[in-house]
Amino acid sequence: MAEMGRKSILFAFALTCAGFGTMSGQDPGRPAVFTSAQADAGRMAYENSCGNCHTLSLRGRKGEEGEIPPLESLPAPFLKFIGPAKRVPPLMGSGFVRGYGQKTVGELFTLFRGAADTTPVAELHMSDDMLVNITAYILKMNGAQAGREALSKTSGVVFASTVE
């Protein structure tokens, strides 16, 4: 009888521990491919580079008043690159996930690397580490969860799997 009581207690303990993992808010089915430290560093880097054109909200530009930073505050090379339509694609939201969801996180990094090398931001000479951190921040802003594994520029994890 005592053996049965011990097994019941161990079973209850195991269920309780499993519940803590579920209650933590991290979906065990979603891969966590970056750390909180990477996303935090990425936020700072994003705000000082990509955020100038894509806005601090990551929602892009639609040529509307109230976009931050204000379009007229940007240097001439940025304005020329953005063009008269005053539109810049978003880096978060359902449209972004739909458009890029089947790409791997490594492919997103490569996309961002290309943009950083060909836009007016190129003069900032952004390192791969900085862009990996920006990628982590963009993942986080799209609903991905941080974990213990550091993001790398060659991650083969599919972007949509980190946010759905």
Foldseek 3Di string as FASTA:
>chain_A
DVVVVVVVVVVVVVVVVVVVVVVVPADPQFDAAAAPVLLVLLLVLCVVFVCLQCNSLLQWWQPDPPGPPDVVVDDPQQDVVCDPRSTDHGLEDPVNCVVQQQAFLLVVLVVVVVCCCPGPVVVVVDDSSNSQSNSSNSLVSRAFDHDDHHHDNRGRHGSNSRHD
